[in-house]
Amino acid sequence: MKNFNTRVELIHDANGSDYAELHQRMSAAGFGTIIRFNNGQSAHLPPAEYVHSTNSAVTAISIRDKAGEVVTAGLRPGLSFRLYVVEFVDWATHNLLPS
């Protein structure tokens, strides 16, 4: 399984409802906000950070493109965004809220 971490930052005066709408769109597209650990526990990711896991042969570039389409599709006029995607194998956390 491939795991990707995606960070989205809305820029140019984004507000809470912009992020709430972003979260709904990202969730509908398969980007989750809960990371699951090998021991069965899970935690909430920081705001506007998502995880996407897949068995398909995709790359960080294709996940970036997919996330970019999702973000762009509901972007309020005047807003822009920054997007960062990385494929990860292992991870460690500190002080994330349990889910």
N, C-alpha and C. Protein backbone atom coordinates (compact mmCIF):
# COMPACT_ATOMS: atom_id res chain seq x y z
N MET A 1 0.84 -1.18 0.00
CA MET A 1 0.00 0.00 0.00
C MET A 1 0.88 1.24 0.00
N LYS A 2 0.51 2.22 -0.80
CA LYS A 2 1.21 3.50 -0.84
C LYS A 2 0.45 4.51 0.01
N ASN A 3 1.19 5.28 0.79
CA ASN A 3 0.61 6.31 1.65
C ASN A 3 1.16 7.68 1.27
N PHE A 4 0.26 8.64 1.16
CA PHE A 4 0.65 10.00 0.80
C PHE A 4 0.12 10.98 1.82
N ASN A 5 0.97 11.91 2.20
CA ASN A 5 0.56 13.00 3.07
C ASN A 5 0.41 14.24 2.19
N THR A 6 -0.71 14.94 2.35
CA THR A 6 -1.00 16.13 1.55
C THR A 6 -1.31 17.29 2.47
N ARG A 7 -0.66 18.41 2.24
CA ARG A 7 -0.90 19.63 3.01
C ARG A 7 -1.44 20.68 2.07
N VAL A 8 -2.55 21.30 2.45
CA VAL A 8 -3.16 22.36 1.64
C VAL A 8 -3.22 23.63 2.48
N GLU A 9 -2.75 24.71 1.92
CA GLU A 9 -2.87 26.01 2.57
C GLU A 9 -3.64 26.93 1.64
N LEU A 10 -4.77 27.42 2.10
CA LEU A 10 -5.53 28.41 1.32
C LEU A 10 -4.95 29.78 1.63
N ILE A 11 -4.72 30.57 0.60
CA ILE A 11 -4.10 31.88 0.79
C ILE A 11 -4.96 32.99 0.21
N HIS A 12 -4.70 34.20 0.64
CA HIS A 12 -5.41 35.41 0.25
C HIS A 12 -6.75 35.53 0.99
N ASP A 13 -6.67 35.60 2.32
CA ASP A 13 -7.83 35.86 3.18
C ASP A 13 -8.82 34.70 3.27
N ALA A 14 -8.33 33.48 3.36
CA ALA A 14 -9.21 32.32 3.57
C ALA A 14 -9.78 32.39 4.98
N ASN A 15 -11.00 31.87 5.14
CA ASN A 15 -11.63 31.87 6.46
C ASN A 15 -12.02 30.44 6.84
N GLY A 16 -12.64 30.30 8.00
CA GLY A 16 -13.01 28.99 8.52
C GLY A 16 -13.96 28.24 7.61
N SER A 17 -14.90 28.93 7.00
CA SER A 17 -15.85 28.22 6.12
C SER A 17 -15.15 27.75 4.84
N ASP A 18 -14.12 28.48 4.38
CA ASP A 18 -13.35 28.02 3.23
C ASP A 18 -12.67 26.69 3.55
N TYR A 19 -12.11 26.59 4.75
CA TYR A 19 -11.47 25.35 5.15
C TYR A 19 -12.48 24.23 5.41
N ALA A 20 -13.65 24.56 5.93
CA ALA A 20 -14.69 23.55 6.15
C ALA A 20 -15.14 22.96 4.81
N GLU A 21 -15.31 23.81 3.81
CA GLU A 21 -15.68 23.33 2.47
C GLU A 21 -14.56 22.51 1.85
N LEU A 22 -13.31 22.96 2.05
CA LEU A 22 -12.17 22.21 1.55
C LEU A 22 -12.16 20.81 2.16
N HIS A 23 -12.37 20.73 3.47
CA HIS A 23 -12.37 19.44 4.15
C HIS A 23 -13.44 18.51 3.57
N GLN A 24 -14.62 19.01 3.30
CA GLN A 24 -15.70 18.20 2.73
C GLN A 24 -15.31 17.67 1.35
N ARG A 25 -14.74 18.54 0.52
CA ARG A 25 -14.34 18.12 -0.83
C ARG A 25 -13.21 17.10 -0.79
N MET A 26 -12.23 17.35 0.07
CA MET A 26 -11.09 16.43 0.17
C MET A 26 -11.55 15.07 0.69
N SER A 27 -12.42 15.07 1.68
CA SER A 27 -12.94 13.83 2.23
C SER A 27 -13.70 13.04 1.16
N ALA A 28 -14.53 13.71 0.39
CA ALA A 28 -15.30 13.05 -0.66
C ALA A 28 -14.39 12.45 -1.74
N ALA A 29 -13.20 13.01 -1.89
CA ALA A 29 -12.25 12.53 -2.90
C ALA A 29 -11.30 11.47 -2.34
N GLY A 30 -11.50 11.06 -1.08
CA GLY A 30 -10.68 9.99 -0.52
C GLY A 30 -9.47 10.44 0.28
N PHE A 31 -9.41 11.71 0.63
CA PHE A 31 -8.33 12.23 1.45
C PHE A 31 -8.83 12.33 2.89
N GLY A 32 -8.24 11.55 3.78
CA GLY A 32 -8.70 11.51 5.17
C GLY A 32 -7.90 12.40 6.09
N THR A 33 -8.44 12.63 7.27
CA THR A 33 -7.77 13.47 8.27
C THR A 33 -7.33 12.67 9.49
N ILE A 34 -7.46 11.35 9.41
CA ILE A 34 -7.05 10.48 10.51
C ILE A 34 -5.95 9.55 10.02
N ILE A 35 -4.87 9.49 10.77
CA ILE A 35 -3.77 8.61 10.43
C ILE A 35 -3.84 7.39 11.34
N ARG A 36 -3.66 6.22 10.75
CA ARG A 36 -3.75 4.96 11.50
C ARG A 36 -2.35 4.38 11.68
N PHE A 37 -2.10 3.94 12.90
CA PHE A 37 -0.80 3.38 13.23
C PHE A 37 -0.82 1.86 13.11
N ASN A 38 0.37 1.26 13.00
CA ASN A 38 0.47 -0.19 12.87
C ASN A 38 -0.09 -0.92 14.08
N ASN A 39 -0.12 -0.28 15.24
CA ASN A 39 -0.63 -0.92 16.45
C ASN A 39 -2.15 -0.82 16.59
N GLY A 40 -2.82 -0.27 15.57
CA GLY A 40 -4.27 -0.17 15.58
C GLY A 40 -4.81 1.15 16.09
N GLN A 41 -3.97 1.95 16.73
CA GLN A 41 -4.42 3.26 17.20
C GLN A 41 -4.46 4.24 16.04
N SER A 42 -5.14 5.35 16.26
CA SER A 42 -5.23 6.37 15.22
C SER A 42 -5.27 7.76 15.86
N ALA A 43 -4.97 8.77 15.05
CA ALA A 43 -4.94 10.15 15.55
C ALA A 43 -5.38 11.10 14.45
N HIS A 44 -5.88 12.26 14.86
CA HIS A 44 -6.28 13.32 13.92
C HIS A 44 -5.03 14.06 13.46
N LEU A 45 -4.95 14.30 12.16
CA LEU A 45 -3.87 15.11 11.62
C LEU A 45 -4.11 16.58 11.92
N PRO A 46 -3.07 17.41 11.86
CA PRO A 46 -3.27 18.86 12.03
C PRO A 46 -4.21 19.40 10.95
N PRO A 47 -4.81 20.57 11.19
CA PRO A 47 -5.75 21.14 10.22
C PRO A 47 -5.15 21.27 8.81
N ALA A 48 -5.99 20.98 7.82
CA ALA A 48 -5.65 21.09 6.40
C ALA A 48 -4.53 20.14 5.98
N GLU A 49 -4.36 19.07 6.72
CA GLU A 49 -3.41 18.03 6.36
C GLU A 49 -4.20 16.74 6.17
N TYR A 50 -3.85 16.00 5.12
CA TYR A 50 -4.64 14.83 4.73
C TYR A 50 -3.73 13.65 4.44
N VAL A 51 -4.29 12.47 4.56
CA VAL A 51 -3.59 11.25 4.20
C VAL A 51 -4.44 10.53 3.15
N HIS A 52 -3.77 9.96 2.17
CA HIS A 52 -4.44 9.20 1.11
C HIS A 52 -3.66 7.91 0.93
N SER A 53 -4.32 6.79 1.09
CA SER A 53 -3.68 5.47 0.93
C SER A 53 -4.32 4.75 -0.24
N THR A 54 -3.50 4.06 -1.02
CA THR A 54 -4.01 3.38 -2.20
C THR A 54 -3.13 2.19 -2.55
N ASN A 55 -3.73 1.21 -3.21
CA ASN A 55 -2.99 0.07 -3.72
C ASN A 55 -2.58 0.28 -5.18
N SER A 56 -3.04 1.36 -5.80
CA SER A 56 -2.71 1.58 -7.20
C SER A 56 -1.31 2.16 -7.37
N ALA A 57 -0.82 2.03 -8.58
CA ALA A 57 0.54 2.48 -8.89
C ALA A 57 0.54 3.97 -9.23
N VAL A 58 0.28 4.79 -8.23
CA VAL A 58 0.26 6.24 -8.43
C VAL A 58 1.54 6.85 -7.86
N THR A 59 1.77 8.09 -8.21
CA THR A 59 2.95 8.82 -7.74
C THR A 59 2.51 10.05 -6.97
N ALA A 60 3.45 10.68 -6.30
CA ALA A 60 3.15 11.93 -5.60
C ALA A 60 2.63 12.98 -6.58
N ILE A 61 3.12 12.96 -7.80
CA ILE A 61 2.66 13.93 -8.80
C ILE A 61 1.19 13.70 -9.13
N SER A 62 0.78 12.45 -9.29
CA SER A 62 -0.63 12.19 -9.62
C SER A 62 -1.53 12.51 -8.43
N ILE A 63 -1.07 12.28 -7.21
CA ILE A 63 -1.85 12.66 -6.04
C ILE A 63 -1.93 14.19 -5.93
N ARG A 64 -0.83 14.86 -6.22
CA ARG A 64 -0.84 16.33 -6.25
C ARG A 64 -1.86 16.85 -7.25
N ASP A 65 -1.87 16.25 -8.44
CA ASP A 65 -2.82 16.68 -9.47
C ASP A 65 -4.26 16.43 -9.04
N LYS A 66 -4.51 15.27 -8.44
CA LYS A 66 -5.87 14.96 -7.96
C LYS A 66 -6.29 15.94 -6.88
N ALA A 67 -5.43 16.17 -5.90
CA ALA A 67 -5.75 17.12 -4.82
C ALA A 67 -5.94 18.52 -5.38
N GLY A 68 -5.10 18.91 -6.33
CA GLY A 68 -5.22 20.24 -6.94
C GLY A 68 -6.55 20.43 -7.63
N GLU A 69 -7.04 19.40 -8.29
CA GLU A 69 -8.35 19.48 -8.94
C GLU A 69 -9.46 19.64 -7.90
N VAL A 70 -9.35 18.90 -6.81
CA VAL A 70 -10.36 18.98 -5.74
C VAL A 70 -10.37 20.38 -5.13
N VAL A 71 -9.20 20.90 -4.84
CA VAL A 71 -9.12 22.23 -4.22
C VAL A 71 -9.65 23.28 -5.19
N THR A 72 -9.20 23.23 -6.42
CA THR A 72 -9.60 24.23 -7.42
C THR A 72 -11.10 24.22 -7.68
N ALA A 73 -11.71 23.04 -7.66
CA ALA A 73 -13.14 22.90 -7.99
C ALA A 73 -14.05 23.72 -7.09
N GLY A 74 -13.66 23.97 -5.85
CA GLY A 74 -14.52 24.71 -4.95
C GLY A 74 -13.91 25.97 -4.42
N LEU A 75 -12.86 26.44 -5.06
CA LEU A 75 -12.14 27.61 -4.58
C LEU A 75 -12.96 28.88 -4.79
N ARG A 76 -13.13 29.62 -3.71
CA ARG A 76 -13.85 30.89 -3.77
C ARG A 76 -13.02 31.89 -4.58
N PRO A 77 -13.68 32.74 -5.40
CA PRO A 77 -12.93 33.74 -6.17
C PRO A 77 -12.04 34.58 -5.27
N GLY A 78 -10.83 34.81 -5.72
CA GLY A 78 -9.87 35.60 -4.96
C GLY A 78 -8.92 34.76 -4.13
N LEU A 79 -9.27 33.48 -3.89
CA LEU A 79 -8.39 32.62 -3.11
C LEU A 79 -7.43 31.88 -4.03
N SER A 80 -6.32 31.50 -3.46
CA SER A 80 -5.35 30.65 -4.13
C SER A 80 -4.93 29.60 -3.12
N PHE A 81 -4.01 28.73 -3.49
CA PHE A 81 -3.60 27.70 -2.54
C PHE A 81 -2.17 27.26 -2.79
N ARG A 82 -1.61 26.68 -1.74
CA ARG A 82 -0.33 26.00 -1.80
C ARG A 82 -0.61 24.54 -1.49
N LEU A 83 0.13 23.65 -2.14
CA LEU A 83 -0.13 22.23 -2.00
C LEU A 83 1.20 21.49 -1.92
N TYR A 84 1.28 20.55 -0.98
CA TYR A 84 2.50 19.77 -0.78
C TYR A 84 2.09 18.31 -0.62
N VAL A 85 2.71 17.41 -1.38
CA VAL A 85 2.42 15.98 -1.30
C VAL A 85 3.73 15.22 -1.15
N VAL A 86 3.72 14.25 -0.24
CA VAL A 86 4.89 13.39 -0.06
C VAL A 86 4.41 11.96 0.17
N GLU A 87 5.11 11.00 -0.43
CA GLU A 87 4.82 9.60 -0.15
C GLU A 87 5.63 9.20 1.08
N PHE A 88 4.98 8.48 2.01
CA PHE A 88 5.70 8.08 3.21
C PHE A 88 5.57 6.59 3.46
N VAL A 89 6.57 6.05 4.15
CA VAL A 89 6.59 4.64 4.50
C VAL A 89 6.40 4.49 6.01
N ASP A 90 7.02 5.34 6.77
CA ASP A 90 6.96 5.28 8.22
C ASP A 90 6.73 6.69 8.74
N TRP A 91 6.24 6.80 9.95
CA TRP A 91 6.00 8.11 10.51
C TRP A 91 6.04 8.04 12.03
N ALA A 92 6.19 9.20 12.61
CA ALA A 92 6.15 9.34 14.07
C ALA A 92 5.40 10.63 14.36
N THR A 93 4.74 10.67 15.48
CA THR A 93 3.96 11.86 15.82
C THR A 93 4.24 12.29 17.25
N HIS A 94 3.82 13.49 17.56
CA HIS A 94 3.88 13.99 18.93
C HIS A 94 2.66 14.85 19.18
N ASN A 95 1.93 14.52 20.19
CA ASN A 95 0.84 15.35 20.70
C ASN A 95 -0.35 15.50 19.73
N LEU A 96 -0.53 14.53 18.84
CA LEU A 96 -1.74 14.56 18.01
C LEU A 96 -2.90 14.06 18.85
N LEU A 97 -4.09 14.56 18.56
CA LEU A 97 -5.27 14.13 19.29
C LEU A 97 -5.71 12.75 18.84
N PRO A 98 -5.97 11.84 19.77
CA PRO A 98 -6.45 10.52 19.38
C PRO A 98 -7.81 10.60 18.70
N SER A 99 -8.04 9.71 17.77
CA SER A 99 -9.34 9.73 17.09
C SER A 99 -10.32 8.78 17.74
